[in-house]
């Protein structure tokens, strides 16, 4: 179960990449939709949630390594996909990233409840 949850936590990085792309002037997406302060807040909140979930599942070293590696790897893949399909990539990165974070949070919460109920 930890492997699937770790994958979902890593996938949530795409929502942060999409938030930052909407706040930046990009060739693929055009003018920004909202300001950089709002993007900083969204990305910082996402990283805190992502880091907290990752640390609770994998421990300190594994959790922080997962979050950092996910941002590097999926950020690069996101930029590559954004050059080919800008609108679809942006939409689906935003949707699936937040959905993955929500699923990971729910699965961690359910796992904790089950362990507490068994004890």
PDB file of N, CA and C in Angstrom:
ATOM      1  N   UNK A   1       0.823  -1.193   0.000  1.00  0.00           N
ATOM      2  CA  UNK A   1       0.000   0.000   0.000  1.00  0.00           C
ATOM      3  C   UNK A   1       0.865   1.255   0.000  1.00  0.00           C
ATOM      4  N   UNK A   2       2.010   1.206   0.671  1.00  0.00           N
ATOM      5  CA  UNK A   2       2.864   2.382   0.731  1.00  0.00           C
ATOM      6  C   UNK A   2       3.373   2.789  -0.643  1.00  0.00           C
ATOM      7  N   UNK A   3       3.598   1.822  -1.520  1.00  0.00           N
ATOM      8  CA  UNK A   3       4.065   2.147  -2.864  1.00  0.00           C
ATOM      9  C   UNK A   3       3.032   2.930  -3.652  1.00  0.00           C
ATOM     10  N   UNK A   4       1.780   2.533  -3.568  1.00  0.00           N
ATOM     11  CA  UNK A   4       0.718   3.241  -4.270  1.00  0.00           C
ATOM     12  C   UNK A   4       0.515   4.641  -3.697  1.00  0.00           C
ATOM     13  N   UNK A   5       0.560   4.751  -2.389  1.00  0.00           N
ATOM     14  CA  UNK A   5       0.403   6.060  -1.755  1.00  0.00           C
ATOM     15  C   UNK A   5       1.577   6.964  -2.123  1.00  0.00           C
ATOM     16  N   UNK A   6       2.780   6.414  -2.160  1.00  0.00           N
ATOM     17  CA  UNK A   6       3.954   7.204  -2.553  1.00  0.00           C
ATOM     18  C   UNK A   6       3.828   7.684  -3.990  1.00  0.00           C
ATOM     19  N   UNK A   7       3.302   6.841  -4.860  1.00  0.00           N
ATOM     20  CA  UNK A   7       3.085   7.250  -6.243  1.00  0.00           C
ATOM     21  C   UNK A   7       2.072   8.385  -6.334  1.00  0.00           C
ATOM     22  N   UNK A   8       1.006   8.296  -5.564  1.00  0.00           N
ATOM     23  CA  UNK A   8       0.001   9.367  -5.555  1.00  0.00           C
ATOM     24  C   UNK A   8       0.581  10.669  -5.009  1.00  0.00           C
ATOM     25  N   UNK A   9       1.394  10.562  -3.967  1.00  0.00           N
ATOM     26  CA  UNK A   9       2.016  11.760  -3.394  1.00  0.00           C
ATOM     27  C   UNK A   9       2.949  12.401  -4.411  1.00  0.00           C
ATOM     28  N   UNK A  10       3.712  11.590  -5.116  1.00  0.00           N
ATOM     29  CA  UNK A  10       4.610  12.128  -6.135  1.00  0.00           C
ATOM     30  C   UNK A  10       3.823  12.769  -7.274  1.00  0.00           C
ATOM     31  N   UNK A  11       2.731  12.146  -7.671  1.00  0.00           N
ATOM     32  CA  UNK A  11       1.919  12.655  -8.786  1.00  0.00           C
ATOM     33  C   UNK A  11       1.330  14.031  -8.459  1.00  0.00           C
ATOM     34  N   UNK A  12       1.138  14.328  -7.196  1.00  0.00           N
ATOM     35  CA  UNK A  12       0.569  15.617  -6.804  1.00  0.00           C
ATOM     36  C   UNK A  12       1.462  16.786  -7.179  1.00  0.00           C
ATOM     37  N   UNK A  13       2.720  16.545  -7.492  1.00  0.00           N
ATOM     38  CA  UNK A  13       3.624  17.611  -7.915  1.00  0.00           C
ATOM     39  C   UNK A  13       3.128  18.297  -9.186  1.00  0.00           C
ATOM     40  N   UNK A  14       2.377  17.587  -9.994  1.00  0.00           N
ATOM     41  CA  UNK A  14       1.874  18.174 -11.231  1.00  0.00           C
ATOM     42  C   UNK A  14       0.925  19.338 -10.968  1.00  0.00           C
ATOM     43  N   UNK A  15       0.194  19.297  -9.874  1.00  0.00           N
ATOM     44  CA  UNK A  15      -0.691  20.416  -9.544  1.00  0.00           C
ATOM     45  C   UNK A  15       0.124  21.671  -9.240  1.00  0.00           C
ATOM     46  N   UNK A  16       1.251  21.510  -8.570  1.00  0.00           N
ATOM     47  CA  UNK A  16       2.123  22.647  -8.298  1.00  0.00           C
ATOM     48  C   UNK A  16       2.753  23.198  -9.564  1.00  0.00           C
ATOM     49  N   UNK A  17       3.154  22.313 -10.466  1.00  0.00           N
ATOM     50  CA  UNK A  17       3.710  22.766 -11.745  1.00  0.00           C
ATOM     51  C   UNK A  17       2.661  23.532 -12.549  1.00  0.00           C
ATOM     52  N   UNK A  18       1.433  23.050 -12.529  1.00  0.00           N
ATOM     53  CA  UNK A  18       0.357  23.729 -13.251  1.00  0.00           C
ATOM     54  C   UNK A  18       0.059  25.096 -12.632  1.00  0.00           C
ATOM     55  N   UNK A  19       0.090  25.181 -11.311  1.00  0.00           N
ATOM     56  CA  UNK A  19      -0.140  26.472 -10.646  1.00  0.00           C
ATOM     57  C   UNK A  19       0.933  27.473 -11.034  1.00  0.00           C
ATOM     58  N   UNK A  20       2.167  27.011 -11.045  1.00  0.00           N
ATOM     59  CA  UNK A  20       3.264  27.922 -11.379  1.00  0.00           C
ATOM     60  C   UNK A  20       3.206  28.336 -12.846  1.00  0.00           C
ATOM     61  N   UNK A  21       2.814  27.430 -13.732  1.00  0.00           N
ATOM     62  CA  UNK A  21       2.713  27.766 -15.152  1.00  0.00           C
ATOM     63  C   UNK A  21       1.604  28.785 -15.399  1.00  0.00           C
ATOM     64  N   UNK A  22       0.506  28.691 -14.644  1.00  0.00           N
ATOM     65  CA  UNK A  22      -0.560  29.680 -14.802  1.00  0.00           C
ATOM     66  C   UNK A  22      -0.141  31.060 -14.319  1.00  0.00           C
ATOM     67  N   UNK A  23       0.834  31.147 -13.437  1.00  0.00           N
ATOM     68  CA  UNK A  23       1.279  32.433 -12.917  1.00  0.00           C
ATOM     69  C   UNK A  23       2.460  32.997 -13.698  1.00  0.00           C
ATOM     70  N   UNK A  24       2.978  32.248 -14.659  1.00  0.00           N
ATOM     71  CA  UNK A  24       4.140  32.678 -15.434  1.00  0.00           C
ATOM     72  C   UNK A  24       3.729  33.001 -16.857  1.00  0.00           C
ATOM     73  N   UNK A  25       4.491  33.884 -17.469  1.00  0.00           N
ATOM     74  CA  UNK A  25       4.276  34.223 -18.864  1.00  0.00           C
ATOM     75  C   UNK A  25       5.009  33.177 -19.703  1.00  0.00           C
ATOM     76  N   UNK A  26       4.275  32.223 -20.244  1.00  0.00           N
ATOM     77  CA  UNK A  26       4.889  31.141 -21.008  1.00  0.00           C
ATOM     78  C   UNK A  26       4.517  31.255 -22.473  1.00  0.00           C
ATOM     79  N   UNK A  27       5.376  30.708 -23.306  1.00  0.00           N
ATOM     80  CA  UNK A  27       5.115  30.714 -24.734  1.00  0.00           C
ATOM     81  C   UNK A  27       3.929  29.825 -25.067  1.00  0.00           C
ATOM     82  N   UNK A  28       3.786  28.731 -24.335  1.00  0.00           N
ATOM     83  CA  UNK A  28       2.721  27.773 -24.629  1.00  0.00           C
ATOM     84  C   UNK A  28       1.354  28.259 -24.144  1.00  0.00           C
ATOM     85  N   UNK A  29       1.317  28.890 -22.966  1.00  0.00           N
ATOM     86  CA  UNK A  29       0.030  29.271 -22.373  1.00  0.00           C
ATOM     87  C   UNK A  29      -0.300  30.750 -22.502  1.00  0.00           C
ATOM     88  N   UNK A  30       0.648  31.569 -22.864  1.00  0.00           N
ATOM     89  CA  UNK A  30       0.386  32.990 -23.020  1.00  0.00           C
ATOM     90  C   UNK A  30       0.530  33.761 -21.717  1.00  0.00           C
ATOM     91  N   UNK A  31      -0.314  34.758 -21.533  1.00  0.00           N
ATOM     92  CA  UNK A  31      -0.214  35.644 -20.378  1.00  0.00           C
ATOM     93  C   UNK A  31      -0.654  34.922 -19.105  1.00  0.00           C
ATOM     94  N   UNK A  32      -0.135  35.364 -17.953  1.00  0.00           N
ATOM     95  CA  UNK A  32      -0.504  34.711 -16.690  1.00  0.00           C
ATOM     96  C   UNK A  32      -1.974  34.914 -16.343  1.00  0.00           C
ATOM     97  N   UNK A  33      -2.564  33.923 -15.654  1.00  0.00           N
ATOM     98  CA  UNK A  33      -3.960  34.020 -15.213  1.00  0.00           C
ATOM     99  C   UNK A  33      -4.078  34.651 -13.843  1.00  0.00           C
ATOM    100  N   UNK A  34      -3.091  34.479 -12.986  1.00  0.00           N
ATOM    101  CA  UNK A  34      -3.101  35.109 -11.672  1.00  0.00           C
ATOM    102  C   UNK A  34      -1.678  35.437 -11.263  1.00  0.00           C
ATOM    103  N   UNK A  35      -1.531  36.162 -10.159  1.00  0.00           N
ATOM    104  CA  UNK A  35      -0.238  36.673  -9.747  1.00  0.00           C
ATOM    105  C   UNK A  35       0.682  35.625  -9.148  1.00  0.00           C
ATOM    106  N   UNK A  36       1.948  36.002  -9.061  1.00  0.00           N
ATOM    107  CA  UNK A  36       2.951  35.080  -8.523  1.00  0.00           C
ATOM    108  C   UNK A  36       2.787  34.859  -7.030  1.00  0.00           C
ATOM    109  N   UNK A  37       2.266  35.834  -6.301  1.00  0.00           N
ATOM    110  CA  UNK A  37       2.043  35.627  -4.863  1.00  0.00           C
ATOM    111  C   UNK A  37       1.041  34.517  -4.626  1.00  0.00           C
ATOM    112  N   UNK A  38       0.005  34.506  -5.403  1.00  0.00           N
ATOM    113  CA  UNK A  38      -0.986  33.441  -5.292  1.00  0.00           C
ATOM    114  C   UNK A  38      -0.368  32.096  -5.657  1.00  0.00           C
ATOM    115  N   UNK A  39       0.469  32.086  -6.670  1.00  0.00           N
ATOM    116  CA  UNK A  39       1.131  30.840  -7.069  1.00  0.00           C
ATOM    117  C   UNK A  39       2.083  30.365  -5.976  1.00  0.00           C
ATOM    118  N   UNK A  40       2.822  31.282  -5.357  1.00  0.00           N
ATOM    119  CA  UNK A  40       3.717  30.895  -4.263  1.00  0.00           C
ATOM    120  C   UNK A  40       2.925  30.261  -3.128  1.00  0.00           C
ATOM    121  N   UNK A  41       1.780  30.848  -2.798  1.00  0.00           N
ATOM    122  CA  UNK A  41       0.950  30.298  -1.735  1.00  0.00           C
ATOM    123  C   UNK A  41       0.432  28.912  -2.063  1.00  0.00           C
ATOM    124  N   UNK A  42      -0.047  28.726  -3.279  1.00  0.00           N
ATOM    125  CA  UNK A  42      -0.562  27.419  -3.680  1.00  0.00           C
ATOM    126  C   UNK A  42       0.538  26.365  -3.703  1.00  0.00           C
ATOM    127  N   UNK A  43       1.678  26.731  -4.268  1.00  0.00           N
ATOM    128  CA  UNK A  43       2.773  25.769  -4.359  1.00  0.00           C
ATOM    129  C   UNK A  43       3.331  25.451  -2.975  1.00  0.00           C
ATOM    130  N   UNK A  44       3.467  26.462  -2.128  1.00  0.00           N
ATOM    131  CA  UNK A  44       3.972  26.217  -0.769  1.00  0.00           C
ATOM    132  C   UNK A  44       3.009  25.326   0.019  1.00  0.00           C
ATOM    133  N   UNK A  45       1.719  25.597  -0.090  1.00  0.00           N
ATOM    134  CA  UNK A  45       0.736  24.746   0.580  1.00  0.00           C
ATOM    135  C   UNK A  45       0.777  23.315   0.069  1.00  0.00           C
ATOM    136  N   UNK A  46       0.927  23.155  -1.238  1.00  0.00           N
ATOM    137  CA  UNK A  46       1.012  21.822  -1.811  1.00  0.00           C
ATOM    138  C   UNK A  46       2.247  21.086  -1.322  1.00  0.00           C
ATOM    139  N   UNK A  47       3.385  21.766  -1.284  1.00  0.00           N
ATOM    140  CA  UNK A  47       4.621  21.118  -0.840  1.00  0.00           C
ATOM    141  C   UNK A  47       4.526  20.727   0.633  1.00  0.00           C
ATOM    142  N   UNK A  48       3.911  21.566   1.453  1.00  0.00           N
ATOM    143  CA  UNK A  48       3.745  21.227   2.872  1.00  0.00           C
ATOM    144  C   UNK A  48       2.846  20.003   3.029  1.00  0.00           C
ATOM    145  N   UNK A  49       1.725  19.974   2.328  1.00  0.00           N
ATOM    146  CA  UNK A  49       0.836  18.810   2.390  1.00  0.00           C
ATOM    147  C   UNK A  49       1.520  17.562   1.846  1.00  0.00           C
ATOM    148  N   UNK A  50       2.186  17.720   0.737  1.00  0.00           N
ATOM    149  CA  UNK A  50       2.879  16.608   0.115  1.00  0.00           C
ATOM    150  C   UNK A  50       3.990  16.080   1.029  1.00  0.00           C
ATOM    151  N   UNK A  51       4.752  16.986   1.597  1.00  0.00           N
ATOM    152  CA  UNK A  51       5.824  16.584   2.500  1.00  0.00           C
ATOM    153  C   UNK A  51       5.302  15.910   3.754  1.00  0.00           C
ATOM    154  N   UNK A  52       4.237  16.438   4.320  1.00  0.00           N
ATOM    155  CA  UNK A  52       3.660  15.833   5.510  1.00  0.00           C
ATOM    156  C   UNK A  52       3.160  14.426   5.261  1.00  0.00           C
ATOM    157  N   UNK A  53       2.476  14.237   4.142  1.00  0.00           N
ATOM    158  CA  UNK A  53       1.998  12.894   3.807  1.00  0.00           C
ATOM    159  C   UNK A  53       3.152  11.940   3.535  1.00  0.00           C
ATOM    160  N   UNK A  54       4.156  12.421   2.799  1.00  0.00           N
ATOM    161  CA  UNK A  54       5.290  11.569   2.451  1.00  0.00           C
ATOM    162  C   UNK A  54       6.079  11.161   3.693  1.00  0.00           C
ATOM    163  N   UNK A  55       6.266  12.094   4.623  1.00  0.00           N
ATOM    164  CA  UNK A  55       6.993  11.776   5.853  1.00  0.00           C
ATOM    165  C   UNK A  55       6.200  10.799   6.707  1.00  0.00           C
ATOM    166  N   UNK A  56       4.877  10.950   6.731  1.00  0.00           N
ATOM    167  CA  UNK A  56       4.071  10.022   7.532  1.00  0.00           C
ATOM    168  C   UNK A  56       4.071   8.608   6.953  1.00  0.00           C
ATOM    169  N   UNK A  57       4.244   8.491   5.653  1.00  0.00           N
ATOM    170  CA  UNK A  57       4.240   7.174   5.023  1.00  0.00           C
ATOM    171  C   UNK A  57       5.634   6.553   4.987  1.00  0.00           C
ATOM    172  N   UNK A  58       6.652   7.345   4.620  1.00  0.00           N
ATOM    173  CA  UNK A  58       7.972   6.795   4.354  1.00  0.00           C
ATOM    174  C   UNK A  58       9.044   7.174   5.365  1.00  0.00           C
ATOM    175  N   UNK A  59       8.741   8.018   6.332  1.00  0.00           N
ATOM    176  CA  UNK A  59       9.758   8.498   7.255  1.00  0.00           C
ATOM    177  C   UNK A  59      10.412   9.765   6.709  1.00  0.00           C
ATOM    178  N   UNK A  60      11.280  10.362   7.514  1.00  0.00           N
ATOM    179  CA  UNK A  60      11.863  11.658   7.153  1.00  0.00           C
ATOM    180  C   UNK A  60      12.681  11.606   5.872  1.00  0.00           C
ATOM    181  N   UNK A  61      13.661  10.720   5.828  1.00  0.00           N
ATOM    182  CA  UNK A  61      14.568  10.684   4.678  1.00  0.00           C
ATOM    183  C   UNK A  61      13.830  10.277   3.402  1.00  0.00           C
ATOM    184  N   UNK A  62      13.041   9.228   3.480  1.00  0.00           N
ATOM    185  CA  UNK A  62      12.313   8.766   2.308  1.00  0.00           C
ATOM    186  C   UNK A  62      11.277   9.762   1.825  1.00  0.00           C
ATOM    187  N   UNK A  63      10.585  10.386   2.770  1.00  0.00           N
ATOM    188  CA  UNK A  63       9.556  11.354   2.398  1.00  0.00           C
ATOM    189  C   UNK A  63      10.116  12.586   1.715  1.00  0.00           C
ATOM    190  N   UNK A  64      11.182  13.134   2.285  1.00  0.00           N
ATOM    191  CA  UNK A  64      11.774  14.329   1.673  1.00  0.00           C
ATOM    192  C   UNK A  64      12.435  14.007   0.345  1.00  0.00           C
ATOM    193  N   UNK A  65      13.038  12.832   0.237  1.00  0.00           N
ATOM    194  CA  UNK A  65      13.626  12.424  -1.038  1.00  0.00           C
ATOM    195  C   UNK A  65      12.541  12.216  -2.096  1.00  0.00           C
ATOM    196  N   UNK A  66      11.412  11.655  -1.689  1.00  0.00           N
ATOM    197  CA  UNK A  66      10.312  11.446  -2.629  1.00  0.00           C
ATOM    198  C   UNK A  66       9.793  12.772  -3.168  1.00  0.00           C
ATOM    199  N   UNK A  67       9.579  13.722  -2.287  1.00  0.00           N
ATOM    200  CA  UNK A  67       9.029  15.008  -2.726  1.00  0.00           C
ATOM    201  C   UNK A  67      10.016  15.740  -3.633  1.00  0.00           C
ATOM    202  N   UNK A  68      11.269  15.783  -3.249  1.00  0.00           N
ATOM    203  CA  UNK A  68      12.264  16.466  -4.080  1.00  0.00           C
ATOM    204  C   UNK A  68      12.446  15.798  -5.430  1.00  0.00           C
ATOM    205  N   UNK A  69      12.541  14.480  -5.431  1.00  0.00           N
ATOM    206  CA  UNK A  69      12.697  13.758  -6.692  1.00  0.00           C
ATOM    207  C   UNK A  69      11.475  13.870  -7.586  1.00  0.00           C
ATOM    208  N   UNK A  70      10.298  13.866  -6.974  1.00  0.00           N
ATOM    209  CA  UNK A  70       9.063  13.981  -7.762  1.00  0.00           C
ATOM    210  C   UNK A  70       8.977  15.334  -8.445  1.00  0.00           C
ATOM    211  N   UNK A  71       9.344  16.388  -7.725  1.00  0.00           N
ATOM    212  CA  UNK A  71       9.301  17.717  -8.334  1.00  0.00           C
ATOM    213  C   UNK A  71      10.290  17.831  -9.485  1.00  0.00           C
ATOM    214  N   UNK A  72      11.465  17.238  -9.337  1.00  0.00           N
ATOM    215  CA  UNK A  72      12.446  17.317 -10.428  1.00  0.00           C
ATOM    216  C   UNK A  72      12.013  16.492 -11.633  1.00  0.00           C
ATOM    217  N   UNK A  73      11.639  15.246 -11.399  1.00  0.00           N
ATOM    218  CA  UNK A  73      11.300  14.363 -12.505  1.00  0.00           C
ATOM    219  C   UNK A  73       9.992  14.770 -13.182  1.00  0.00           C
ATOM    220  N   UNK A  74       8.938  14.924 -12.408  1.00  0.00           N
ATOM    221  CA  UNK A  74       7.645  15.254 -13.009  1.00  0.00           C
ATOM    222  C   UNK A  74       7.601  16.687 -13.536  1.00  0.00           C
ATOM    223  N   UNK A  75       8.396  17.571 -12.949  1.00  0.00           N
ATOM    224  CA  UNK A  75       8.487  18.933 -13.498  1.00  0.00           C
ATOM    225  C   UNK A  75       9.086  18.936 -14.895  1.00  0.00           C
ATOM    226  N   UNK A  76      10.131  18.145 -15.089  1.00  0.00           N
ATOM    227  CA  UNK A  76      10.728  18.043 -16.418  1.00  0.00           C
ATOM    228  C   UNK A  76       9.792  17.410 -17.429  1.00  0.00           C
ATOM    229  N   UNK A  77       9.114  16.357 -17.020  1.00  0.00           N
ATOM    230  CA  UNK A  77       8.146  15.723 -17.922  1.00  0.00           C
ATOM    231  C   UNK A  77       6.960  16.639 -18.219  1.00  0.00           C
ATOM    232  N   UNK A  78       6.566  17.425 -17.227  1.00  0.00           N
ATOM    233  CA  UNK A  78       5.463  18.367 -17.416  1.00  0.00           C
ATOM    234  C   UNK A  78       5.836  19.423 -18.462  1.00  0.00           C
ATOM    235  N   UNK A  79       7.051  19.953 -18.361  1.00  0.00           N
ATOM    236  CA  UNK A  79       7.491  20.968 -19.327  1.00  0.00           C
ATOM    237  C   UNK A  79       7.573  20.371 -20.723  1.00  0.00           C
ATOM    238  N   UNK A  80       8.051  19.136 -20.831  1.00  0.00           N
ATOM    239  CA  UNK A  80       8.119  18.492 -22.139  1.00  0.00           C
ATOM    240  C   UNK A  80       6.718  18.291 -22.726  1.00  0.00           C
ATOM    241  N   UNK A  81       5.774  17.887 -21.902  1.00  0.00           N
ATOM    242  CA  UNK A  81       4.403  17.702 -22.382  1.00  0.00           C
ATOM    243  C   UNK A  81       3.737  19.041 -22.689  1.00  0.00           C
ATOM    244  N   UNK A  82       4.092  20.067 -21.938  1.00  0.00           N
ATOM    245  CA  UNK A  82       3.499  21.393 -22.141  1.00  0.00           C
ATOM    246  C   UNK A  82       3.885  21.964 -23.494  1.00  0.00           C
ATOM    247  N   UNK A  83       5.078  21.633 -23.981  1.00  0.00           N
ATOM    248  CA  UNK A  83       5.495  22.122 -25.291  1.00  0.00           C
ATOM    249  C   UNK A  83       4.697  21.489 -26.422  1.00  0.00           C
ATOM    250  N   UNK A  84       4.233  20.265 -26.222  1.00  0.00           N
ATOM    251  CA  UNK A  84       3.476  19.602 -27.277  1.00  0.00           C
ATOM    252  C   UNK A  84       1.986  19.845 -27.214  1.00  0.00           C
ATOM    253  N   UNK A  85       1.406  19.761 -26.029  1.00  0.00           N
ATOM    254  CA  UNK A  85      -0.044  19.881 -25.845  1.00  0.00           C
ATOM    255  C   UNK A  85      -0.315  20.839 -24.686  1.00  0.00           C
ATOM    256  N   UNK A  86      -0.241  22.128 -24.898  1.00  0.00           N
ATOM    257  CA  UNK A  86      -0.303  23.064 -23.763  1.00  0.00           C
ATOM    258  C   UNK A  86      -1.632  23.065 -23.009  1.00  0.00           C
ATOM    259  N   UNK A  87      -2.736  23.153 -23.683  1.00  0.00           N
ATOM    260  CA  UNK A  87      -4.023  23.274 -22.994  1.00  0.00           C
ATOM    261  C   UNK A  87      -4.400  21.988 -22.268  1.00  0.00           C
ATOM    262  N   UNK A  88      -4.279  20.868 -22.957  1.00  0.00           N
ATOM    263  CA  UNK A  88      -4.642  19.593 -22.338  1.00  0.00           C
ATOM    264  C   UNK A  88      -3.717  19.239 -21.176  1.00  0.00           C
ATOM    265  N   UNK A  89      -2.427  19.504 -21.347  1.00  0.00           N
ATOM    266  CA  UNK A  89      -1.471  19.216 -20.279  1.00  0.00           C
ATOM    267  C   UNK A  89      -1.783  20.038 -19.050  1.00  0.00           C
ATOM    268  N   UNK A  90      -2.057  21.304 -19.253  1.00  0.00           N
ATOM    269  CA  UNK A  90      -2.336  22.200 -18.133  1.00  0.00           C
ATOM    270  C   UNK A  90      -3.589  21.756 -17.375  1.00  0.00           C
ATOM    271  N   UNK A  91      -4.644  21.479 -18.119  1.00  0.00           N
ATOM    272  CA  UNK A  91      -5.896  21.055 -17.499  1.00  0.00           C
ATOM    273  C   UNK A  91      -5.738  19.760 -16.716  1.00  0.00           C
ATOM    274  N   UNK A  92      -5.149  18.755 -17.348  1.00  0.00           N
ATOM    275  CA  UNK A  92      -5.066  17.442 -16.723  1.00  0.00           C
ATOM    276  C   UNK A  92      -4.027  17.391 -15.615  1.00  0.00           C
ATOM    277  N   UNK A  93      -2.982  18.175 -15.720  1.00  0.00           N
ATOM    278  CA  UNK A  93      -2.002  18.224 -14.629  1.00  0.00           C
ATOM    279  C   UNK A  93      -2.644  18.807 -13.381  1.00  0.00           C
ATOM    280  N   UNK A  94      -3.419  19.853 -13.535  1.00  0.00           N
ATOM    281  CA  UNK A  94      -4.091  20.484 -12.407  1.00  0.00           C
ATOM    282  C   UNK A  94      -5.081  19.520 -11.753  1.00  0.00           C
ATOM    283  N   UNK A  95      -5.936  18.914 -12.574  1.00  0.00           N
ATOM    284  CA  UNK A  95      -6.974  18.024 -12.051  1.00  0.00           C
ATOM    285  C   UNK A  95      -6.402  16.773 -11.395  1.00  0.00           C
ATOM    286  N   UNK A  96      -5.532  16.089 -12.113  1.00  0.00           N
ATOM    287  CA  UNK A  96      -5.017  14.830 -11.593  1.00  0.00           C
ATOM    288  C   UNK A  96      -4.062  15.031 -10.419  1.00  0.00           C
ATOM    289  N   UNK A  97      -3.354  16.155 -10.397  1.00  0.00           N
ATOM    290  CA  UNK A  97      -2.450  16.430  -9.279  1.00  0.00           C
ATOM    291  C   UNK A  97      -3.199  16.595  -7.966  1.00  0.00           C
ATOM    292  N   UNK A  98      -4.228  17.417  -7.981  1.00  0.00           N
ATOM    293  CA  UNK A  98      -5.002  17.608  -6.749  1.00  0.00           C
ATOM    294  C   UNK A  98      -5.792  16.366  -6.380  1.00  0.00           C
ATOM    295  N   UNK A  99      -6.288  15.640  -7.388  1.00  0.00           N
ATOM    296  CA  UNK A  99      -7.004  14.395  -7.102  1.00  0.00           C
ATOM    297  C   UNK A  99      -6.067  13.359  -6.479  1.00  0.00           C
ATOM    298  N   UNK A 100      -4.835  13.286  -6.959  1.00  0.00           N
ATOM    299  CA  UNK A 100      -3.864  12.349  -6.395  1.00  0.00           C
ATOM    300  C   UNK A 100      -3.545  12.705  -4.952  1.00  0.00           C
ATOM    301  N   UNK A 101      -3.405  13.995  -4.661  1.00  0.00           N
ATOM    302  CA  UNK A 101      -3.127  14.409  -3.285  1.00  0.00           C
ATOM    303  C   UNK A 101      -4.309  14.074  -2.370  1.00  0.00           C
ATOM    304  N   UNK A 102      -5.515  14.290  -2.847  1.00  0.00           N
ATOM    305  CA  UNK A 102      -6.701  13.963  -2.047  1.00  0.00           C
ATOM    306  C   UNK A 102      -6.808  12.457  -1.807  1.00  0.00           C
ATOM    307  N   UNK A 103      -6.559  11.661  -2.823  1.00  0.00           N
ATOM    308  CA  UNK A 103      -6.601  10.207  -2.656  1.00  0.00           C
ATOM    309  C   UNK A 103      -5.523   9.722  -1.691  1.00  0.00           C
ATOM    310  N   UNK A 104      -4.339  10.306  -1.790  1.00  0.00           N
ATOM    311  CA  UNK A 104      -3.261   9.921  -0.874  1.00  0.00           C
ATOM    312  C   UNK A 104      -3.618  10.282   0.559  1.00  0.00           C
ATOM    313  N   UNK A 105      -4.185  11.459   0.776  1.00  0.00           N
ATOM    314  CA  UNK A 105      -4.574  11.871   2.131  1.00  0.00           C
ATOM    315  C   UNK A 105      -5.667  10.962   2.684  1.00  0.00           C
ATOM    316  N   UNK A 106      -6.635  10.629   1.856  1.00  0.00           N
ATOM    317  CA  UNK A 106      -7.707   9.731   2.313  1.00  0.00           C
ATOM    318  C   UNK A 106      -7.177   8.348   2.635  1.00  0.00           C
ATOM    319  N   UNK A 107      -6.282   7.831   1.817  1.00  0.00           N
ATOM    320  CA  UNK A 107      -5.762   6.489   2.087  1.00  0.00           C
ATOM    321  C   UNK A 107      -4.892   6.454   3.334  1.00  0.00           C
ATOM    322  N   UNK A 108      -4.115   7.507   3.576  1.00  0.00           N
ATOM    323  CA  UNK A 108      -3.316   7.565   4.808  1.00  0.00           C
ATOM    324  C   UNK A 108      -4.237   7.663   6.021  1.00  0.00           C
ATOM    325  N   UNK A 109      -5.275   8.472   5.925  1.00  0.00           N
ATOM    326  CA  UNK A 109      -6.207   8.610   7.044  1.00  0.00           C
ATOM    327  C   UNK A 109      -6.934   7.300   7.320  1.00  0.00           C
ATOM    328  N   UNK A 110      -7.378   6.616   6.284  1.00  0.00           N
ATOM    329  CA  UNK A 110      -8.063   5.336   6.471  1.00  0.00           C
ATOM    330  C   UNK A 110      -7.119   4.298   7.056  1.00  0.00           C
ATOM    331  N   UNK A 111      -5.879   4.281   6.582  1.00  0.00           N
ATOM    332  CA  UNK A 111      -4.900   3.339   7.119  1.00  0.00           C
ATOM    333  C   UNK A 111      -4.650   3.595   8.602  1.00  0.00           C
ATOM    334  N   UNK A 112      -4.547   4.851   8.984  1.00  0.00           N
ATOM    335  CA  UNK A 112      -4.334   5.189  10.395  1.00  0.00           C
ATOM    336  C   UNK A 112      -5.546   4.797  11.241  1.00  0.00           C
ATOM    337  N   UNK A 113      -6.750   5.009  10.723  1.00  0.00           N
ATOM    338  CA  UNK A 113      -7.954   4.630  11.452  1.00  0.00           C
ATOM    339  C   UNK A 113      -8.056   3.120  11.625  1.00  0.00           C
ATOM    340  N   UNK A 114      -7.694   2.390  10.581  1.00  0.00           N
ATOM    341  CA  UNK A 114      -7.749   0.930  10.676  1.00  0.00           C
ATOM    342  C   UNK A 114      -6.745   0.433  11.702  1.00  0.00           C
ATOM    343  N   UNK A 115      -5.531   0.973  11.700  1.00  0.00           N
ATOM    344  CA  UNK A 115      -4.531   0.541  12.673  1.00  0.00           C
ATOM    345  C   UNK A 115      -4.953   0.893  14.096  1.00  0.00           C
ATOM    346  N   UNK A 116      -5.597   2.034  14.274  1.00  0.00           N
ATOM    347  CA  UNK A 116      -6.043   2.421  15.600  1.00  0.00           C
ATOM    348  C   UNK A 116      -7.220   1.553  16.044  1.00  0.00           C
ATOM    349  N   UNK A 117      -8.077   1.185  15.110  1.00  0.00           N
ATOM    350  CA  UNK A 117      -9.220   0.355  15.441  1.00  0.00           C
ATOM    351  C   UNK A 117      -8.777  -1.049  15.828  1.00  0.00           C
ATOM    352  N   UNK A 118      -7.730  -1.555  15.178  1.00  0.00           N
ATOM    353  CA  UNK A 118      -7.226  -2.882  15.492  1.00  0.00           C
ATOM    354  C   UNK A 118      -6.546  -2.953  16.849  1.00  0.00           C
ATOM    355  N   UNK A 119      -5.969  -1.829  17.253  1.00  0.00           N
ATOM    356  CA  UNK A 119      -5.210  -1.834  18.523  1.00  0.00           C
ATOM    357  C   UNK A 119      -6.076  -1.823  19.741  1.00  0.00           C
TER     358      UNK A 119
END
